[in-house]
Protein backbone atom coordinates (compact mmCIF):
# COMPACT_ATOMS: atom_id res chain seq x y z
CA MET A 1 0.18 -0.10 0.18
CA ALA A 2 2.96 2.28 0.78
CA LYS A 3 4.68 1.37 -2.03
CA MET A 4 1.52 2.31 -4.43
CA ALA A 5 1.44 5.59 -2.83
CA ALA A 6 4.94 6.12 -3.28
CA THR A 7 4.89 5.27 -6.87
CA ALA A 8 1.91 7.79 -7.22
CA ALA A 9 3.22 10.57 -5.60
CA SER A 10 6.77 10.16 -7.43
CA HIS A 11 4.53 10.67 -11.02
CA LEU A 12 3.36 13.84 -9.48
CA LEU A 13 6.43 15.24 -8.28
CA PRO A 14 7.90 16.36 -11.37
CA LYS A 15 4.70 18.18 -12.75
CA PHE A 16 4.49 20.14 -9.22
CA CYS A 17 8.25 20.88 -8.99
CA PHE A 18 9.22 21.37 -12.78
CA PRO A 19 7.07 23.74 -14.70
CA SER A 20 5.81 22.39 -18.36
CA PRO A 21 7.77 23.23 -21.32
CA HIS A 22 5.48 25.82 -22.58
CA TYR A 23 6.42 27.99 -19.67
CA LEU A 24 9.95 28.10 -20.93
CA GLN A 25 9.03 29.28 -24.61
CA PRO A 26 9.22 33.62 -25.13
CA ASN A 27 5.67 35.25 -25.37
CA PRO A 28 5.40 36.72 -28.65
CA THR A 29 3.30 39.14 -27.54
CA ILE A 30 5.80 41.25 -25.57
CA LYS A 31 7.12 43.73 -27.33
CA PHE A 32 10.37 45.65 -26.37
CA PRO A 33 11.25 49.18 -27.32
CA THR A 34 14.27 49.71 -29.83
CA ALA A 35 16.26 52.64 -29.59
CA SER A 36 16.06 55.22 -32.55
CA LEU A 37 19.80 56.06 -34.21
CA ARG A 38 18.30 59.43 -34.77
CA GLU A 39 18.17 60.54 -31.43
CA SER A 40 20.69 62.74 -29.97
CA SER A 41 21.91 63.79 -26.23
CA ARG A 42 23.31 67.25 -25.30
CA VAL A 43 26.73 67.13 -24.61
CA GLN A 44 28.16 70.05 -22.62
CA ALA A 45 31.77 71.54 -22.99
CA SER A 46 33.90 71.74 -20.19
CA ASN A 47 34.49 74.90 -18.38
CA PRO A 48 38.24 75.16 -17.43
CA LYS A 49 38.02 78.04 -14.84
CA ARG A 50 35.42 76.11 -13.15
CA GLU A 51 37.67 72.88 -13.14
CA GLN A 52 40.52 74.98 -11.70
CA GLN A 53 38.25 76.16 -9.17
CA ASP A 54 37.03 72.37 -8.32
CA SER A 55 40.68 71.37 -8.17
CA GLY A 56 41.34 73.95 -5.64
CA MET A 57 38.44 72.87 -3.62
CA ASN A 58 39.32 69.32 -3.83
CA ASN A 59 42.61 69.79 -2.32
CA ASN A 60 41.03 71.15 0.86
CA THR A 61 38.41 68.55 0.90
CA SER A 62 41.03 65.83 0.83
CA GLU A 63 42.88 67.28 3.81
CA GLU A 64 39.45 67.60 5.83
CA ASP A 65 38.92 64.10 4.67
CA LEU A 66 42.23 63.08 5.67
CA LYS A 67 41.80 64.82 9.14
CA PHE A 68 38.31 62.93 9.46
CA LEU A 69 39.14 59.60 8.63
CA VAL A 70 42.35 59.77 11.27
CA LYS A 71 39.81 60.67 13.99
CA LEU A 72 37.46 58.11 13.01
CA GLY A 73 40.20 55.48 12.92
CA GLY A 74 41.52 56.52 16.21
CA GLY A 75 38.07 56.61 17.76
CA SER A 76 37.46 53.10 16.68
CA VAL A 77 40.64 51.94 17.92
CA VAL A 78 39.71 53.55 21.30
CA GLY A 79 36.41 52.38 21.26
CA ALA A 80 37.31 48.52 20.40
CA ALA A 81 39.86 48.98 23.38
CA VAL A 82 37.48 50.07 25.73
CA ILE A 83 34.97 47.28 24.67
CA LYS A 84 37.74 44.45 24.66
CA TYR A 85 39.35 45.51 28.13
CA GLY A 86 36.56 47.89 29.97
CA SER A 87 35.58 44.63 31.95
CA ILE A 88 38.95 44.33 33.59
CA ILE A 89 39.10 48.03 34.34
CA VAL A 90 35.46 48.50 35.35
CA PRO A 91 34.12 44.92 36.15
CA GLU A 92 30.77 46.54 37.25
CA ILE A 93 29.81 46.89 33.49
CA THR A 94 29.82 43.05 33.03
CA ARG A 95 27.09 41.96 35.64
CA PRO A 96 23.73 41.97 33.89
CA ASN A 97 21.20 44.41 35.15
CA ILE A 98 17.81 44.61 33.50
CA VAL A 99 16.94 48.31 34.35
CA GLN A 100 20.21 49.51 32.93
CA ALA A 101 20.02 47.54 29.92
CA LEU A 102 16.25 49.11 29.41
CA VAL A 103 17.59 52.59 29.93
CA MET A 104 20.59 52.02 27.51
CA VAL A 105 18.17 50.66 24.84
CA SER A 106 15.57 53.14 25.13
CA ALA A 107 17.35 56.22 25.73
CA PRO A 108 18.60 56.81 22.11
CA VAL A 109 15.18 56.55 21.11
CA VAL A 110 13.23 58.83 23.67
CA VAL A 111 16.17 61.48 22.74
CA ALA A 112 15.74 61.42 19.10
CA VAL A 113 12.04 61.42 19.15
CA TRP A 114 12.33 64.48 21.48
CA ILE A 115 14.67 66.14 19.36
CA LEU A 116 12.52 65.59 16.27
CA LEU A 117 9.30 66.86 18.30
CA ASN A 118 11.31 70.25 19.15
CA GLN A 119 12.55 70.26 15.64
CA SER A 120 9.25 70.23 14.60
CA ARG A 121 7.51 72.85 16.83
CA ARG A 122 10.27 75.14 15.63
CA ASP A 123 9.68 74.63 12.01
CA ARG A 124 5.94 75.24 12.75
CA ASP A 125 6.55 78.57 14.52
CA VAL A 126 8.64 79.91 12.00
CA VAL A 127 6.09 79.47 9.10
């Protein structure tokens, strides 16, 4: 009995798992747009004065970017050291405390909502 059910199920399996061949054939009613060779696009010439101004700004920007990356890298290293070795210096932070955990998780959300509400009130007052 079980063998007959397995045989019947094995004949149905290909029909459920694999689509029939007519799904694999392209649909002749779909038409794709073709690009016209007569279409043109606008091309603007470059402005040498503006490029010189931009290159001057890029030097300042790259210095500012470099300073920012150094600060970011230093802060990341210090943060990683605090996370890794902070429990040695202050063992209290490794003891579980549900109230402290809830405050740490909910405080940024409450502060963000408060800032957004205040900003919204200021925007309404200005208008």
